[in-house]
Amino acid sequence: MPNEKSTKSVPTVLVSACLLGIPCRYDGKSKPNERLLACSPQFSYIPFCPECYGGLDTPRPPAEIQANGTVINKEGTDVTAAYQAGAQRAVALCKDFQINYAILKSKSPACGINMTYDGTFTGTLIARPGIAADALQKAGILTFSEETFSPQKILCTDCSDKGESPMLYVTIETASCIGCGSCEAICPDVFTMNDHGVAQAISEVSADYLADIKDALKMCPVHCIFMDED
């Protein structure tokens, strides 16, 4: 009998290539993200660098978005057209392959999902997305940075989009939680501690996390975690 998990389709995700260890950054290096790489069995990753696909070399001078929306590199060259071309190719790729999710490198003038440098090359960040990230968001692609990415955020959304019911439903009795953090330590993709030091959980999760969630239930000293199965 075939393994059901091996035949189950997984979400396809566009990922900034540098996060997967591909040396395509302006400095010729990569920024491999270990948490992202560890989750690769759960997804079909499509590596993409908007700057490279826009025609820029690697390595290349660093660039920043200016106040007027143009992109200028540190040598003073206008590279706006390359950034726009890369953004258009990212959107086209998502449409062609029906990709609904993207995990993008934070702070990048191409890929930053909400914060980028202000154009002065002084390391100052402002609330503004990168060129490709902005185009993907406007095209309806759900975007995450490597810092905000959680597998369950994509898996649960994907189940919902397909009309499937997630297998597990997790709740926490917050009034009883003492903030020990054991649940987050055991299963950080499902449990996190909020700003008040109280545990919170993603309410609908994949059955792949059943064993970890059961361990979290056992380790909770006040038994404030509850789970129902479909």
Protein backbone atom coordinates (compact mmCIF):
# COMPACT_ATOMS: atom_id res chain seq x y z
CA MET A 1 0.00 0.00 0.00
CA PRO A 2 1.58 3.35 -0.98
CA ASN A 3 2.49 5.86 1.70
CA GLU A 4 -0.30 8.42 1.73
CA LYS A 5 2.06 11.23 2.72
CA SER A 6 4.34 10.58 -0.25
CA THR A 7 1.50 11.02 -2.77
CA LYS A 8 -0.02 14.08 -1.14
CA SER A 9 0.41 17.27 -3.16
CA VAL A 10 2.32 20.05 -1.47
CA PRO A 11 2.00 23.82 -1.95
CA THR A 12 4.33 25.43 -4.49
CA VAL A 13 6.12 28.46 -3.06
CA LEU A 14 8.24 31.10 -4.80
CA VAL A 15 11.34 31.74 -2.66
CA SER A 16 14.09 34.33 -2.84
CA ALA A 17 16.94 32.22 -4.23
CA CYS A 18 19.50 33.55 -1.74
CA LEU A 19 17.45 32.08 1.13
CA LEU A 20 17.90 28.63 -0.39
CA GLY A 21 21.69 28.99 -0.50
CA ILE A 22 22.07 30.21 -4.08
CA PRO A 23 24.83 32.89 -4.27
CA CYS A 24 22.92 35.61 -6.10
CA ARG A 25 23.04 38.57 -3.70
CA TYR A 26 24.65 41.87 -4.65
CA ASP A 27 27.83 40.80 -2.80
CA GLY A 28 27.97 37.44 -4.58
CA LYS A 29 26.93 35.56 -1.46
CA SER A 30 23.80 33.78 -0.25
CA LYS A 31 21.71 33.99 2.91
CA PRO A 32 20.61 30.38 3.51
CA ASN A 33 17.82 30.15 6.05
CA GLU A 34 18.06 26.92 8.02
CA ARG A 35 14.41 26.94 9.17
CA LEU A 36 13.24 27.42 5.60
CA LEU A 37 15.51 24.64 4.34
CA ALA A 38 14.33 22.30 7.10
CA CYS A 39 10.72 22.75 5.92
CA SER A 40 11.50 21.86 2.30
CA PRO A 41 9.76 18.43 2.46
CA GLN A 42 6.47 20.21 3.11
CA PHE A 43 6.66 22.45 0.03
CA SER A 44 7.79 22.63 -3.56
CA TYR A 45 10.20 25.57 -3.59
CA ILE A 46 10.80 27.58 -6.75
CA PRO A 47 13.99 29.69 -6.31
CA PHE A 48 13.85 33.12 -7.92
CA CYS A 49 16.01 36.26 -7.76
CA PRO A 50 14.22 39.26 -9.28
CA GLU A 51 17.47 41.19 -9.64
CA CYS A 52 19.17 38.40 -11.60
CA TYR A 53 16.09 37.77 -13.73
CA GLY A 54 15.97 41.50 -14.39
CA GLY A 55 19.38 41.26 -16.02
CA LEU A 56 21.73 42.44 -13.26
CA ASP A 57 25.10 40.81 -12.69
CA THR A 58 26.30 38.98 -9.58
CA PRO A 59 28.07 40.52 -7.79
CA ARG A 60 26.75 44.04 -8.37
CA PRO A 61 26.75 47.39 -6.55
CA PRO A 62 24.10 47.58 -3.80
CA ALA A 63 20.98 49.52 -4.75
CA GLU A 64 18.19 51.25 -2.85
CA ILE A 65 14.76 52.62 -3.71
CA GLN A 66 14.67 56.41 -3.77
CA ALA A 67 11.91 58.72 -2.55
CA ASN A 68 10.59 59.10 -6.10
CA GLY A 69 10.33 55.32 -6.60
CA THR A 70 13.38 54.87 -8.80
CA VAL A 71 16.11 52.39 -7.86
CA ILE A 72 19.65 53.76 -7.86
CA ASN A 73 22.78 51.78 -7.07
CA LYS A 74 25.63 53.05 -4.93
CA GLU A 75 27.57 54.13 -8.02
CA GLY A 76 24.69 56.39 -9.05
CA THR A 77 23.36 54.24 -11.88
CA ASP A 78 19.60 54.03 -12.39
CA VAL A 79 18.66 50.32 -12.33
CA THR A 80 14.90 50.81 -12.05
CA ALA A 81 14.17 49.05 -15.35
CA ALA A 82 16.00 45.90 -14.20
CA TYR A 83 14.07 45.79 -10.93
CA GLN A 84 10.76 46.30 -12.72
CA ALA A 85 11.60 43.59 -15.26
CA GLY A 86 12.46 41.16 -12.47
CA ALA A 87 9.20 41.98 -10.70
CA GLN A 88 7.19 41.37 -13.87
CA ARG A 89 8.88 38.00 -14.38
CA ALA A 90 8.11 37.02 -10.78
CA VAL A 91 4.42 37.78 -11.27
CA ALA A 92 4.36 35.97 -14.62
CA LEU A 93 6.01 32.90 -13.08
CA CYS A 94 3.39 32.78 -10.33
CA LYS A 95 0.57 33.05 -12.84
CA ASP A 96 2.04 30.45 -15.20
CA PHE A 97 2.60 27.88 -12.45
CA GLN A 98 -0.37 28.84 -10.24
CA ILE A 99 1.87 29.83 -7.33
CA ASN A 100 -0.05 31.53 -4.52
CA TYR A 101 2.72 32.02 -1.94
CA ALA A 102 6.12 33.68 -1.81
CA ILE A 103 8.83 33.78 0.87
CA LEU A 104 11.05 36.78 0.24
CA LYS A 105 14.30 38.19 1.63
CA SER A 106 13.58 40.91 4.17
CA LYS A 107 14.80 44.50 3.59
CA SER A 108 15.83 43.82 -0.01
CA PRO A 109 15.01 46.58 -2.54
CA ALA A 110 13.46 43.82 -4.66
CA CYS A 111 12.07 41.40 -2.09
CA GLY A 112 11.45 43.26 1.18
CA ILE A 113 7.78 42.65 1.97
CA ASN A 114 7.18 45.75 4.09
CA MET A 115 10.50 47.41 5.03
CA THR A 116 13.33 48.57 2.75
CA TYR A 117 16.24 50.99 3.02
CA ASP A 118 15.40 54.64 2.43
CA GLY A 119 17.74 55.37 -0.49
CA THR A 120 20.46 57.20 1.45
CA PHE A 121 22.75 54.14 1.90
CA THR A 122 22.91 54.87 5.61
CA GLY A 123 21.21 51.69 6.80
CA THR A 124 17.95 53.52 7.52
CA LEU A 125 14.80 51.44 7.06
CA ILE A 126 11.37 52.81 6.16
CA ALA A 127 7.93 51.22 5.72
CA ARG A 128 7.92 50.45 2.00
CA PRO A 129 7.95 47.13 0.11
CA GLY A 130 10.55 46.13 -2.45
CA ILE A 131 9.75 46.38 -6.15
CA ALA A 132 9.07 42.67 -6.72
CA ALA A 133 7.34 42.19 -3.38
CA ASP A 134 4.98 45.07 -4.16
CA ALA A 135 4.15 43.61 -7.57
CA LEU A 136 3.51 40.15 -6.11
CA GLN A 137 1.29 41.54 -3.37
CA LYS A 138 -0.73 43.53 -5.90
CA ALA A 139 -1.11 40.34 -7.94
CA GLY A 140 -2.69 38.62 -4.93
CA ILE A 141 0.29 36.49 -3.90
CA LEU A 142 0.48 35.87 -0.15
CA THR A 143 3.97 37.03 0.83
CA PHE A 144 6.15 36.28 3.85
CA SER A 145 9.68 37.19 4.82
CA GLU A 146 12.08 34.60 6.16
CA GLU A 147 11.37 36.19 9.56
CA THR A 148 7.55 35.94 9.43
CA PHE A 149 7.30 32.63 7.58
CA SER A 150 5.59 29.76 9.39
CA PRO A 151 4.79 26.49 7.60
CA GLN A 152 1.32 26.35 9.11
CA LYS A 153 0.41 29.78 7.76
CA ILE A 154 0.80 28.40 4.27
CA LEU A 155 -0.45 24.87 4.91
CA CYS A 156 -3.67 26.05 6.56
CA THR A 157 -4.32 28.66 3.88
CA ASP A 158 -3.67 26.07 1.18
CA CYS A 159 -6.14 23.63 2.76
CA SER A 160 -8.73 26.38 2.93
CA ASP A 161 -8.15 27.40 -0.70
CA LYS A 162 -8.63 23.79 -1.82
CA GLY A 163 -11.79 23.36 0.23
CA GLU A 164 -10.11 20.79 2.45
CA SER A 165 -10.58 20.58 6.21
CA PRO A 166 -7.38 20.68 8.27
CA MET A 167 -7.02 17.60 10.44
CA LEU A 168 -6.40 19.19 13.86
CA TYR A 169 -7.97 22.01 15.85
CA VAL A 170 -5.92 23.47 18.69
CA THR A 171 -7.07 25.85 21.42
CA ILE A 172 -5.45 27.28 24.55
CA GLU A 173 -7.25 28.30 27.73
CA THR A 174 -5.30 31.53 28.04
CA ALA A 175 -6.62 32.40 31.49
CA SER A 176 -4.91 29.28 32.84
CA CYS A 177 -1.63 29.60 30.94
CA ILE A 178 1.36 30.36 33.22
CA GLY A 179 3.70 31.23 30.33
CA CYS A 180 6.19 28.40 30.85
CA GLY A 181 6.94 28.25 27.11
CA SER A 182 7.15 24.45 26.95
CA CYS A 183 4.64 24.21 24.09
CA GLU A 184 6.60 26.67 21.95
CA ALA A 185 9.83 24.82 22.67
CA ILE A 186 8.28 21.53 21.53
CA CYS A 187 6.37 22.78 18.47
CA PRO A 188 7.23 26.39 17.52
CA ASP A 189 5.36 26.17 14.19
CA VAL A 190 2.06 25.79 16.07
CA PHE A 191 2.65 27.52 19.42
CA THR A 192 4.12 30.96 20.16
CA MET A 193 4.30 33.24 23.19
CA ASN A 194 2.56 36.59 22.78
CA ASP A 195 3.73 39.97 24.09
CA HIS A 196 2.04 39.26 27.43
CA GLY A 197 3.95 35.99 27.93
CA VAL A 198 0.88 33.85 27.25
CA ALA A 199 0.86 30.95 24.81
CA GLN A 200 -1.17 31.16 21.62
CA ALA A 201 -1.72 28.58 18.91
CA ILE A 202 -2.63 28.39 15.25
CA SER A 203 -6.15 27.05 15.48
CA GLU A 204 -6.16 24.78 12.41
CA VAL A 205 -3.07 22.69 11.72
CA SER A 206 -1.89 19.79 9.61
CA ALA A 207 -2.03 16.29 11.03
CA ASP A 208 1.73 16.12 10.41
CA TYR A 209 2.09 17.93 13.75
CA LEU A 210 -0.05 15.45 15.71
CA ALA A 211 2.84 13.87 17.64
CA ASP A 212 4.41 17.20 18.59
CA ILE A 213 1.09 18.65 19.70
CA LYS A 214 0.41 15.59 21.85
CA ASP A 215 3.84 16.04 23.43
CA ALA A 216 3.00 19.68 24.14
CA LEU A 217 -0.26 18.62 25.79
CA LYS A 218 1.60 16.17 28.03
CA MET A 219 4.26 18.70 29.02
CA CYS A 220 1.86 21.56 29.81
CA PRO A 221 1.99 21.86 33.62
CA VAL A 222 -1.50 23.36 33.89
CA HIS A 223 -3.14 21.33 31.07
CA CYS A 224 -4.51 24.36 29.27
CA ILE A 225 -3.98 23.05 25.71
CA PHE A 226 -6.83 21.26 23.96
CA MET A 227 -6.94 19.47 20.60
CA ASP A 228 -9.74 18.00 18.51
CA GLU A 229 -9.24 15.80 15.46
CA ASP A 230 -11.40 15.77 12.34
